[in-house]
Amino acid sequence: MRVASYVKDFILSRDSRKIVFRAQGCGLANRLRALVGYQALARVRELPFYLVWAVDSYCPGEFSELFESSINPMCLQALRSVSPRAIYREPIWWQDIWKRWGAERDWIVYRREVHDCLRALTLQRGLAEKVAEFQDRHNLSDAIGVHIRNTDNLANYAEWKKHYPDFDPKQISSVAGFMEVIDANVRSRPVFLATDDPELEQGLKERFPALITFPKTYDLTTLRTASVGAALSEMWLLGRCHRIVGTYYSSFGQFSAVWGRVPYFEVIGDKMVRSEFIDQMTSS
């Protein structure tokens, strides 16, 4: 009993002075979903919040190049003077952050703070103007947004099967399933495609000439095939569509839906299924 009490006290006292989120070793969507969760945790605990945004192969772009933000930045070197108990690294969804470190606080209050932090995620001015013009020109408010993750995710499936008990290989999205979604909609409404696979994008555009894609340059020599600015643009644009159809076990489309507060579906095998998880995450 004493040991359990000590562990609980340790967890609850981790952030006794500040909360620092060290965003490193993960992609854009995973960073952003955790960022707003830790920021909200700091708010409900009435603690200062700091962000360490490491530029690496997973996310090769500075936070300040992507967002207009009042969040307090902190460099990696400054972490040396910060207590390890104040540093949070896990790039997890905010409901998991609340369960681990905030469950003694009211969930409704915490979730409200999360959504306030989401609304405060403001793109850099030049980027914001570019995507807003693209959205208006292609009438994305009436569009189906389709996100196909088809490069690094494929290589990770074997590891995910070993280490994540909720990952089900039978539910992996099929390209045929996405093609069925596109074919069912492209003649009656705009369909916006976001993908990290240039060959797949080219093949789908040849088959469906009306398909809408955001212009970007691919670099197949890097872990991420497009720039982080292009990825953020596609993430924002997906969230402006009427609904999103995304890839199984990919947080990119999920975060787009939560950020834009639009319905989210996944291609499970070759069938389109509405995500109850995202419905819960977007509920007020």
C-alpha atoms as a PDB file:
ATOM      1  CA  MET A   1       0.000   0.000   0.000  1.00  0.00           C
ATOM      2  CA  ARG A   2       2.836   2.394   0.891  1.00  0.00           C
ATOM      3  CA  VAL A   3       4.597   1.615  -2.416  1.00  0.00           C
ATOM      4  CA  ALA A   4       1.418   2.241  -4.437  1.00  0.00           C
ATOM      5  CA  SER A   5       0.834   5.518  -2.590  1.00  0.00           C
ATOM      6  CA  TYR A   6       4.417   6.602  -3.247  1.00  0.00           C
ATOM      7  CA  VAL A   7       4.110   5.839  -6.979  1.00  0.00           C
ATOM      8  CA  LYS A   8       0.851   7.804  -7.198  1.00  0.00           C
ATOM      9  CA  ASP A   9       2.390  10.772  -5.386  1.00  0.00           C
ATOM     10  CA  PHE A  10       5.408  10.643  -7.697  1.00  0.00           C
ATOM     11  CA  ILE A  11       3.238  10.665 -10.829  1.00  0.00           C
ATOM     12  CA  LEU A  12       1.090  13.536  -9.583  1.00  0.00           C
ATOM     13  CA  SER A  13       4.145  15.570  -8.539  1.00  0.00           C
ATOM     14  CA  ARG A  14       6.047  15.164 -11.827  1.00  0.00           C
ATOM     15  CA  ASP A  15       4.884  18.529 -13.034  1.00  0.00           C
ATOM     16  CA  SER A  16       5.119  20.433  -9.746  1.00  0.00           C
ATOM     17  CA  ARG A  17       6.853  23.429 -11.382  1.00  0.00           C
ATOM     18  CA  LYS A  18       6.270  23.294 -15.150  1.00  0.00           C
ATOM     19  CA  ILE A  19       5.295  20.989 -17.997  1.00  0.00           C
ATOM     20  CA  VAL A  20       7.709  20.552 -20.894  1.00  0.00           C
ATOM     21  CA  PHE A  21       6.741  18.516 -23.960  1.00  0.00           C
ATOM     22  CA  ARG A  22       9.757  17.157 -25.819  1.00  0.00           C
ATOM     23  CA  ALA A  23       8.501  16.501 -29.362  1.00  0.00           C
ATOM     24  CA  GLN A  24      11.073  14.263 -30.977  1.00  0.00           C
ATOM     25  CA  GLY A  25      11.314  10.976 -32.858  1.00  0.00           C
ATOM     26  CA  CYS A  26       7.782  11.040 -34.248  1.00  0.00           C
ATOM     27  CA  GLY A  27       5.806  12.576 -37.089  1.00  0.00           C
ATOM     28  CA  LEU A  28       3.721  15.716 -37.328  1.00  0.00           C
ATOM     29  CA  ALA A  29       0.303  14.340 -36.361  1.00  0.00           C
ATOM     30  CA  ASN A  30       1.635  12.467 -33.336  1.00  0.00           C
ATOM     31  CA  ARG A  31       3.404  15.604 -32.147  1.00  0.00           C
ATOM     32  CA  LEU A  32       0.351  17.811 -32.534  1.00  0.00           C
ATOM     33  CA  ARG A  33      -2.092  15.423 -30.856  1.00  0.00           C
ATOM     34  CA  ALA A  34       0.231  15.237 -27.832  1.00  0.00           C
ATOM     35  CA  LEU A  35       1.081  18.944 -27.885  1.00  0.00           C
ATOM     36  CA  VAL A  36      -2.490  20.081 -27.270  1.00  0.00           C
ATOM     37  CA  GLY A  37      -2.898  17.370 -24.623  1.00  0.00           C
ATOM     38  CA  TYR A  38       0.121  18.440 -22.582  1.00  0.00           C
ATOM     39  CA  GLN A  39      -0.725  22.107 -23.091  1.00  0.00           C
ATOM     40  CA  ALA A  40      -4.230  21.463 -21.723  1.00  0.00           C
ATOM     41  CA  LEU A  41      -2.733  19.506 -18.810  1.00  0.00           C
ATOM     42  CA  ALA A  42      -0.597  22.532 -17.952  1.00  0.00           C
ATOM     43  CA  ARG A  43      -3.664  24.762 -18.088  1.00  0.00           C
ATOM     44  CA  VAL A  44      -5.783  22.679 -15.715  1.00  0.00           C
ATOM     45  CA  ARG A  45      -2.816  22.419 -13.347  1.00  0.00           C
ATOM     46  CA  GLU A  46      -2.148  26.169 -13.710  1.00  0.00           C
ATOM     47  CA  LEU A  47       1.488  25.540 -14.634  1.00  0.00           C
ATOM     48  CA  PRO A  48       3.720  27.136 -17.289  1.00  0.00           C
ATOM     49  CA  PHE A  49       4.008  25.119 -20.493  1.00  0.00           C
ATOM     50  CA  TYR A  50       7.087  24.832 -22.713  1.00  0.00           C
ATOM     51  CA  LEU A  51       7.654  23.121 -26.036  1.00  0.00           C
ATOM     52  CA  VAL A  52      10.871  21.517 -27.231  1.00  0.00           C
ATOM     53  CA  TRP A  53      10.362  20.829 -30.944  1.00  0.00           C
ATOM     54  CA  ALA A  54      13.292  18.809 -32.265  1.00  0.00           C
ATOM     55  CA  VAL A  55      13.918  18.873 -36.011  1.00  0.00           C
ATOM     56  CA  ASP A  56      14.707  15.326 -37.123  1.00  0.00           C
ATOM     57  CA  SER A  57      14.068  12.892 -39.971  1.00  0.00           C
ATOM     58  CA  TYR A  58      10.565  12.207 -38.663  1.00  0.00           C
ATOM     59  CA  CYS A  59       9.591  15.880 -38.742  1.00  0.00           C
ATOM     60  CA  PRO A  60      12.157  17.994 -40.633  1.00  0.00           C
ATOM     61  CA  GLY A  61      10.736  21.434 -39.928  1.00  0.00           C
ATOM     62  CA  GLU A  62      10.734  24.011 -37.127  1.00  0.00           C
ATOM     63  CA  PHE A  63       7.511  24.634 -35.226  1.00  0.00           C
ATOM     64  CA  SER A  64       7.946  28.386 -35.764  1.00  0.00           C
ATOM     65  CA  GLU A  65       8.065  27.812 -39.552  1.00  0.00           C
ATOM     66  CA  LEU A  66       4.651  26.145 -39.414  1.00  0.00           C
ATOM     67  CA  PHE A  67       2.592  27.934 -36.783  1.00  0.00           C
ATOM     68  CA  GLU A  68       1.870  31.367 -35.367  1.00  0.00           C
ATOM     69  CA  SER A  69       1.926  30.609 -31.660  1.00  0.00           C
ATOM     70  CA  SER A  70       2.392  32.120 -28.222  1.00  0.00           C
ATOM     71  CA  ILE A  71       3.662  28.802 -26.830  1.00  0.00           C
ATOM     72  CA  ASN A  72       6.915  29.188 -24.907  1.00  0.00           C
ATOM     73  CA  PRO A  73       9.699  27.498 -26.903  1.00  0.00           C
ATOM     74  CA  MET A  74      12.639  25.767 -25.251  1.00  0.00           C
ATOM     75  CA  CYS A  75      15.825  24.527 -26.929  1.00  0.00           C
ATOM     76  CA  LEU A  76      17.240  21.065 -26.386  1.00  0.00           C
ATOM     77  CA  GLN A  77      20.236  22.448 -24.519  1.00  0.00           C
ATOM     78  CA  ALA A  78      17.973  24.144 -21.974  1.00  0.00           C
ATOM     79  CA  LEU A  79      16.543  20.767 -20.972  1.00  0.00           C
ATOM     80  CA  ARG A  80      19.715  20.113 -19.003  1.00  0.00           C
ATOM     81  CA  SER A  81      18.494  22.495 -16.339  1.00  0.00           C
ATOM     82  CA  VAL A  82      14.966  21.044 -16.196  1.00  0.00           C
ATOM     83  CA  SER A  83      13.973  18.306 -13.780  1.00  0.00           C
ATOM     84  CA  PRO A  84      13.289  15.031 -15.628  1.00  0.00           C
ATOM     85  CA  ARG A  85       9.967  14.889 -13.768  1.00  0.00           C
ATOM     86  CA  ALA A  86       8.783  17.959 -15.681  1.00  0.00           C
ATOM     87  CA  ILE A  87       9.611  16.529 -19.128  1.00  0.00           C
ATOM     88  CA  TYR A  88       6.976  14.578 -21.067  1.00  0.00           C
ATOM     89  CA  ARG A  89       7.964  12.651 -24.195  1.00  0.00           C
ATOM     90  CA  GLU A  90       5.124  10.277 -25.077  1.00  0.00           C
ATOM     91  CA  PRO A  91       3.416  11.399 -28.331  1.00  0.00           C
ATOM     92  CA  ILE A  92       0.032  10.003 -27.328  1.00  0.00           C
ATOM     93  CA  TRP A  93      -3.590  11.091 -27.680  1.00  0.00           C
ATOM     94  CA  TRP A  94      -4.801  13.560 -25.082  1.00  0.00           C
ATOM     95  CA  GLN A  95      -7.286  11.187 -23.447  1.00  0.00           C
ATOM     96  CA  ASP A  96      -4.295   8.941 -22.616  1.00  0.00           C
ATOM     97  CA  ILE A  97      -2.420  11.955 -21.229  1.00  0.00           C
ATOM     98  CA  TRP A  98      -5.402  12.709 -19.007  1.00  0.00           C
ATOM     99  CA  LYS A  99      -5.661   9.078 -17.843  1.00  0.00           C
ATOM    100  CA  ARG A 100      -1.967   8.960 -16.892  1.00  0.00           C
ATOM    101  CA  TRP A 101      -1.402  12.376 -15.376  1.00  0.00           C
ATOM    102  CA  GLY A 102      -4.652  14.284 -15.071  1.00  0.00           C
ATOM    103  CA  ALA A 103      -7.366  11.852 -14.018  1.00  0.00           C
ATOM    104  CA  GLU A 104      -7.837  13.631 -10.685  1.00  0.00           C
ATOM    105  CA  ARG A 105      -9.051  16.651 -12.696  1.00  0.00           C
ATOM    106  CA  ASP A 106     -12.451  16.898 -14.352  1.00  0.00           C
ATOM    107  CA  TRP A 107     -12.432  15.300 -17.816  1.00  0.00           C
ATOM    108  CA  ILE A 108     -14.952  17.770 -19.251  1.00  0.00           C
ATOM    109  CA  VAL A 109     -12.858  20.744 -18.138  1.00  0.00           C
ATOM    110  CA  TYR A 110      -9.694  19.141 -19.498  1.00  0.00           C
ATOM    111  CA  ARG A 111     -11.316  18.297 -22.843  1.00  0.00           C
ATOM    112  CA  ARG A 112     -12.578  21.888 -23.160  1.00  0.00           C
ATOM    113  CA  GLU A 113      -9.011  23.110 -22.700  1.00  0.00           C
ATOM    114  CA  VAL A 114      -7.814  20.647 -25.352  1.00  0.00           C
ATOM    115  CA  HIS A 115     -10.262  22.035 -27.903  1.00  0.00           C
ATOM    116  CA  ASP A 116      -9.250  25.596 -27.014  1.00  0.00           C
ATOM    117  CA  CYS A 117      -5.638  24.607 -27.699  1.00  0.00           C
ATOM    118  CA  LEU A 118      -6.679  23.021 -31.003  1.00  0.00           C
ATOM    119  CA  ARG A 119      -8.430  26.219 -32.085  1.00  0.00           C
ATOM    120  CA  ALA A 120      -5.300  28.175 -31.205  1.00  0.00           C
ATOM    121  CA  LEU A 121      -3.182  26.146 -33.656  1.00  0.00           C
ATOM    122  CA  THR A 122      -2.825  28.856 -36.295  1.00  0.00           C
ATOM    123  CA  LEU A 123      -0.841  28.322 -39.476  1.00  0.00           C
ATOM    124  CA  GLN A 124       1.921  30.726 -40.422  1.00  0.00           C
ATOM    125  CA  ARG A 125       0.453  33.575 -42.443  1.00  0.00           C
ATOM    126  CA  GLY A 126       1.939  32.677 -45.824  1.00  0.00           C
ATOM    127  CA  LEU A 127       0.966  29.035 -45.456  1.00  0.00           C
ATOM    128  CA  ALA A 128      -2.518  29.958 -44.226  1.00  0.00           C
ATOM    129  CA  GLU A 129      -3.154  32.192 -47.235  1.00  0.00           C
ATOM    130  CA  LYS A 130      -1.990  29.496 -49.640  1.00  0.00           C
ATOM    131  CA  VAL A 131      -4.198  26.722 -48.260  1.00  0.00           C
ATOM    132  CA  ALA A 132      -7.223  29.018 -47.859  1.00  0.00           C
ATOM    133  CA  GLU A 133      -6.996  29.978 -51.525  1.00  0.00           C
ATOM    134  CA  PHE A 134      -6.699  26.299 -52.489  1.00  0.00           C
ATOM    135  CA  GLN A 135      -9.698  25.406 -50.327  1.00  0.00           C
ATOM    136  CA  ASP A 136     -11.904  28.083 -51.905  1.00  0.00           C
ATOM    137  CA  ARG A 137     -10.794  27.338 -55.454  1.00  0.00           C
ATOM    138  CA  HIS A 138     -11.654  23.645 -55.145  1.00  0.00           C
ATOM    139  CA  ASN A 139     -14.786  24.001 -52.990  1.00  0.00           C
ATOM    140  CA  LEU A 140     -13.442  21.582 -50.392  1.00  0.00           C
ATOM    141  CA  SER A 141     -16.325  22.196 -47.983  1.00  0.00           C
ATOM    142  CA  ASP A 142     -18.348  19.863 -50.238  1.00  0.00           C
ATOM    143  CA  ALA A 143     -15.484  17.426 -50.855  1.00  0.00           C
ATOM    144  CA  ILE A 144     -14.603  13.961 -49.673  1.00  0.00           C
ATOM    145  CA  GLY A 145     -11.075  14.068 -48.281  1.00  0.00           C
ATOM    146  CA  VAL A 146      -9.107  10.857 -48.826  1.00  0.00           C
ATOM    147  CA  HIS A 147      -5.857  10.197 -46.983  1.00  0.00           C
ATOM    148  CA  ILE A 148      -3.797   7.192 -48.084  1.00  0.00           C
ATOM    149  CA  ARG A 149      -0.704   6.479 -45.994  1.00  0.00           C
ATOM    150  CA  ASN A 150       1.259   4.097 -48.174  1.00  0.00           C
ATOM    151  CA  THR A 151       4.999   4.367 -47.560  1.00  0.00           C
ATOM    152  CA  ASP A 152       6.547   4.251 -44.066  1.00  0.00           C
ATOM    153  CA  ASN A 153       3.393   2.784 -42.505  1.00  0.00           C
ATOM    154  CA  LEU A 154       3.807  -0.349 -44.608  1.00  0.00           C
ATOM    155  CA  ALA A 155       7.271  -0.962 -43.189  1.00  0.00           C
ATOM    156  CA  ASN A 156       5.992  -0.490 -39.637  1.00  0.00           C
ATOM    157  CA  TYR A 157       3.124  -2.962 -39.784  1.00  0.00           C
ATOM    158  CA  ALA A 158       5.226  -5.962 -38.749  1.00  0.00           C
ATOM    159  CA  GLU A 159       6.593  -4.136 -35.688  1.00  0.00           C
ATOM    160  CA  TRP A 160       3.176  -2.792 -34.726  1.00  0.00           C
ATOM    161  CA  LYS A 161       1.794  -6.324 -34.833  1.00  0.00           C
ATOM    162  CA  LYS A 162       4.448  -7.376 -32.290  1.00  0.00           C
ATOM    163  CA  HIS A 163       4.180  -4.465 -29.884  1.00  0.00           C
ATOM    164  CA  TYR A 164       0.627  -3.058 -30.109  1.00  0.00           C
ATOM    165  CA  PRO A 165      -2.109  -5.529 -29.097  1.00  0.00           C
ATOM    166  CA  ASP A 166      -4.847  -3.341 -30.606  1.00  0.00           C
ATOM    167  CA  PHE A 167      -3.257  -3.469 -34.076  1.00  0.00           C
ATOM    168  CA  ASP A 168      -5.137  -5.959 -36.249  1.00  0.00           C
ATOM    169  CA  PRO A 169      -3.429  -6.900 -39.548  1.00  0.00           C
ATOM    170  CA  LYS A 170      -6.794  -8.027 -40.920  1.00  0.00           C
ATOM    171  CA  GLN A 171      -7.977  -4.415 -40.807  1.00  0.00           C
ATOM    172  CA  ILE A 172      -5.127  -2.906 -42.860  1.00  0.00           C
ATOM    173  CA  SER A 173      -6.543  -0.570 -45.490  1.00  0.00           C
ATOM    174  CA  SER A 174      -6.487  -1.792 -49.079  1.00  0.00           C
ATOM    175  CA  VAL A 175      -5.890   0.447 -52.078  1.00  0.00           C
ATOM    176  CA  ALA A 176      -8.913  -1.242 -53.669  1.00  0.00           C
ATOM    177  CA  GLY A 177     -11.045   0.037 -50.809  1.00  0.00           C
ATOM    178  CA  PHE A 178      -9.903   3.604 -51.408  1.00  0.00           C
ATOM    179  CA  MET A 179     -10.495   3.278 -55.134  1.00  0.00           C
ATOM    180  CA  GLU A 180     -14.057   2.194 -54.427  1.00  0.00           C
ATOM    181  CA  VAL A 181     -14.600   5.293 -52.269  1.00  0.00           C
ATOM    182  CA  ILE A 182     -13.169   7.593 -54.942  1.00  0.00           C
ATOM    183  CA  ASP A 183     -15.143   5.940 -57.718  1.00  0.00           C
ATOM    184  CA  ALA A 184     -18.397   6.259 -55.747  1.00  0.00           C
ATOM    185  CA  ASN A 185     -17.953  10.008 -55.237  1.00  0.00           C
ATOM    186  CA  VAL A 186     -15.742  11.618 -57.857  1.00  0.00           C
ATOM    187  CA  ARG A 187     -18.488  12.177 -60.461  1.00  0.00           C
ATOM    188  CA  SER A 188     -20.868  13.886 -58.025  1.00  0.00           C
ATOM    189  CA  ARG A 189     -18.633  15.927 -55.706  1.00  0.00           C
ATOM    190  CA  PRO A 190     -15.005  17.040 -55.328  1.00  0.00           C
ATOM    191  CA  VAL A 191     -12.590  14.409 -54.014  1.00  0.00           C
ATOM    192  CA  PHE A 192      -9.352  15.624 -52.438  1.00  0.00           C
ATOM    193  CA  LEU A 193      -6.504  13.115 -52.230  1.00  0.00           C
ATOM    194  CA  ALA A 194      -3.652  13.421 -49.743  1.00  0.00           C
ATOM    195  CA  THR A 195      -0.969  10.748 -49.908  1.00  0.00           C
ATOM    196  CA  ASP A 196       2.728  10.201 -49.301  1.00  0.00           C
ATOM    197  CA  ASP A 197       3.095   7.836 -52.274  1.00  0.00           C
ATOM    198  CA  PRO A 198       3.914   9.604 -55.581  1.00  0.00           C
ATOM    199  CA  GLU A 199       3.360   6.512 -57.744  1.00  0.00           C
ATOM    200  CA  LEU A 200      -0.011   5.867 -56.167  1.00  0.00           C
ATOM    201  CA  GLU A 201      -0.990   9.515 -56.588  1.00  0.00           C
ATOM    202  CA  GLN A 202      -0.048   9.481 -60.267  1.00  0.00           C
ATOM    203  CA  GLY A 203      -1.895   6.231 -60.907  1.00  0.00           C
ATOM    204  CA  LEU A 204      -5.072   7.420 -59.208  1.00  0.00           C
ATOM    205  CA  LYS A 205      -5.023  10.738 -61.057  1.00  0.00           C
ATOM    206  CA  GLU A 206      -4.673   8.906 -64.351  1.00  0.00           C
ATOM    207  CA  ARG A 207      -7.665   6.746 -63.475  1.00  0.00           C
ATOM    208  CA  PHE A 208      -9.697   9.613 -61.968  1.00  0.00           C
ATOM    209  CA  PRO A 209      -8.701  12.834 -63.815  1.00  0.00           C
ATOM    210  CA  ALA A 210     -11.028  14.973 -61.637  1.00  0.00           C
ATOM    211  CA  LEU A 211      -9.151  14.003 -58.465  1.00  0.00           C
ATOM    212  CA  ILE A 212      -7.844  17.064 -56.564  1.00  0.00           C
ATOM    213  CA  THR A 213      -4.310  17.039 -55.131  1.00  0.00           C
ATOM    214  CA  PHE A 214      -2.229  19.681 -53.379  1.00  0.00           C
ATOM    215  CA  PRO A 215       0.904  20.550 -55.387  1.00  0.00           C
ATOM    216  CA  LYS A 216       4.057  19.321 -53.671  1.00  0.00           C
ATOM    217  CA  THR A 217       7.518  18.001 -54.468  1.00  0.00           C
ATOM    218  CA  TYR A 218       8.431  14.454 -53.509  1.00  0.00           C
ATOM    219  CA  ASP A 219      11.847  13.356 -52.243  1.00  0.00           C
ATOM    220  CA  LEU A 220      12.110   9.574 -52.087  1.00  0.00           C
ATOM    221  CA  THR A 221      15.583   9.675 -50.485  1.00  0.00           C
ATOM    222  CA  THR A 222      14.170  10.822 -47.121  1.00  0.00           C
ATOM    223  CA  LEU A 223      12.004   9.134 -44.502  1.00  0.00           C
ATOM    224  CA  ARG A 224       9.197  11.600 -45.214  1.00  0.00           C
ATOM    225  CA  THR A 225       8.528  11.812 -48.931  1.00  0.00           C
ATOM    226  CA  ALA A 226       7.254  15.405 -48.845  1.00  0.00           C
ATOM    227  CA  SER A 227       8.147  18.499 -46.822  1.00  0.00           C
ATOM    228  CA  VAL A 228       6.583  19.009 -43.416  1.00  0.00           C
ATOM    229  CA  GLY A 229       5.002  22.199 -44.754  1.00  0.00           C
ATOM    230  CA  ALA A 230       3.243  20.206 -47.480  1.00  0.00           C
ATOM    231  CA  ALA A 231       2.157  17.611 -44.936  1.00  0.00           C
ATOM    232  CA  LEU A 232       0.711  20.294 -42.673  1.00  0.00           C
ATOM    233  CA  SER A 233      -1.075  21.879 -45.641  1.00  0.00           C
ATOM    234  CA  GLU A 234      -2.703  18.565 -46.557  1.00  0.00           C
ATOM    235  CA  MET A 235      -3.604  17.927 -42.920  1.00  0.00           C
ATOM    236  CA  TRP A 236      -5.349  21.313 -42.679  1.00  0.00           C
ATOM    237  CA  LEU A 237      -7.102  20.890 -46.040  1.00  0.00           C
ATOM    238  CA  LEU A 238      -8.422  17.444 -45.140  1.00  0.00           C
ATOM    239  CA  GLY A 239     -10.062  19.001 -42.100  1.00  0.00           C
ATOM    240  CA  ARG A 240     -11.919  21.467 -44.344  1.00  0.00           C
ATOM    241  CA  CYS A 241     -13.577  18.698 -46.346  1.00  0.00           C
ATOM    242  CA  HIS A 242     -17.137  17.537 -45.757  1.00  0.00           C
ATOM    243  CA  ARG A 243     -15.788  14.251 -44.401  1.00  0.00           C
ATOM    244  CA  ILE A 244     -12.497  12.336 -44.355  1.00  0.00           C
ATOM    245  CA  VAL A 245     -11.763   8.750 -45.342  1.00  0.00           C
ATOM    246  CA  GLY A 246      -8.413   7.681 -43.926  1.00  0.00           C
ATOM    247  CA  THR A 247      -5.940   4.870 -43.461  1.00  0.00           C
ATOM    248  CA  TYR A 248      -6.196   2.299 -40.698  1.00  0.00           C
ATOM    249  CA  TYR A 249      -3.888   3.001 -37.753  1.00  0.00           C
ATOM    250  CA  SER A 250      -2.741   6.366 -39.093  1.00  0.00           C
ATOM    251  CA  SER A 251      -3.026   9.392 -36.812  1.00  0.00           C
ATOM    252  CA  PHE A 252      -2.622  11.830 -39.734  1.00  0.00           C
ATOM    253  CA  GLY A 253      -6.191  11.599 -40.998  1.00  0.00           C
ATOM    254  CA  GLN A 254      -7.542  11.152 -37.474  1.00  0.00           C
ATOM    255  CA  PHE A 255      -5.946  14.373 -36.274  1.00  0.00           C
ATOM    256  CA  SER A 256      -7.143  16.194 -39.401  1.00  0.00           C
ATOM    257  CA  ALA A 257     -10.712  15.181 -38.566  1.00  0.00           C
ATOM    258  CA  VAL A 258     -10.452  16.218 -34.921  1.00  0.00           C
ATOM    259  CA  TRP A 259      -8.748  19.510 -35.798  1.00  0.00           C
ATOM    260  CA  GLY A 260     -11.370  20.317 -38.431  1.00  0.00           C
ATOM    261  CA  ARG A 261     -14.225  18.709 -36.419  1.00  0.00           C
ATOM    262  CA  VAL A 262     -15.513  16.689 -39.380  1.00  0.00           C
ATOM    263  CA  PRO A 263     -16.754  13.071 -39.587  1.00  0.00           C
ATOM    264  CA  TYR A 264     -14.011  10.493 -40.007  1.00  0.00           C
ATOM    265  CA  PHE A 265     -14.154   7.105 -41.708  1.00  0.00           C
ATOM    266  CA  GLU A 266     -11.432   4.497 -42.192  1.00  0.00           C
ATOM    267  CA  VAL A 267     -10.957   1.939 -44.916  1.00  0.00           C
ATOM    268  CA  ILE A 268     -10.930  -1.291 -42.932  1.00  0.00           C
ATOM    269  CA  GLY A 269      -9.808  -3.977 -45.367  1.00  0.00           C
ATOM    270  CA  ASP A 270     -11.765  -2.831 -48.389  1.00  0.00           C
ATOM    271  CA  LYS A 271     -14.793  -1.399 -46.530  1.00  0.00           C
ATOM    272  CA  MET A 272     -15.408   2.159 -45.340  1.00  0.00           C
ATOM    273  CA  VAL A 273     -16.280   2.288 -41.621  1.00  0.00           C
ATOM    274  CA  ARG A 274     -17.113   5.327 -39.490  1.00  0.00           C
ATOM    275  CA  SER A 275     -14.709   5.855 -36.578  1.00  0.00           C
ATOM    276  CA  GLU A 276     -16.456   5.849 -33.209  1.00  0.00           C
ATOM    277  CA  PHE A 277     -13.144   6.858 -31.625  1.00  0.00           C
ATOM    278  CA  ILE A 278     -12.987  10.117 -33.579  1.00  0.00           C
ATOM    279  CA  ASP A 279     -16.693  10.761 -32.948  1.00  0.00           C
ATOM    280  CA  GLN A 280     -15.920  10.631 -29.218  1.00  0.00           C
ATOM    281  CA  MET A 281     -12.849  12.837 -29.625  1.00  0.00           C
ATOM    282  CA  THR A 282     -14.754  15.567 -31.462  1.00  0.00           C
ATOM    283  CA  SER A 283     -17.785  15.588 -29.159  1.00  0.00           C
ATOM    284  CA  SER A 284     -18.173  18.727 -27.063  1.00  0.00           C
END
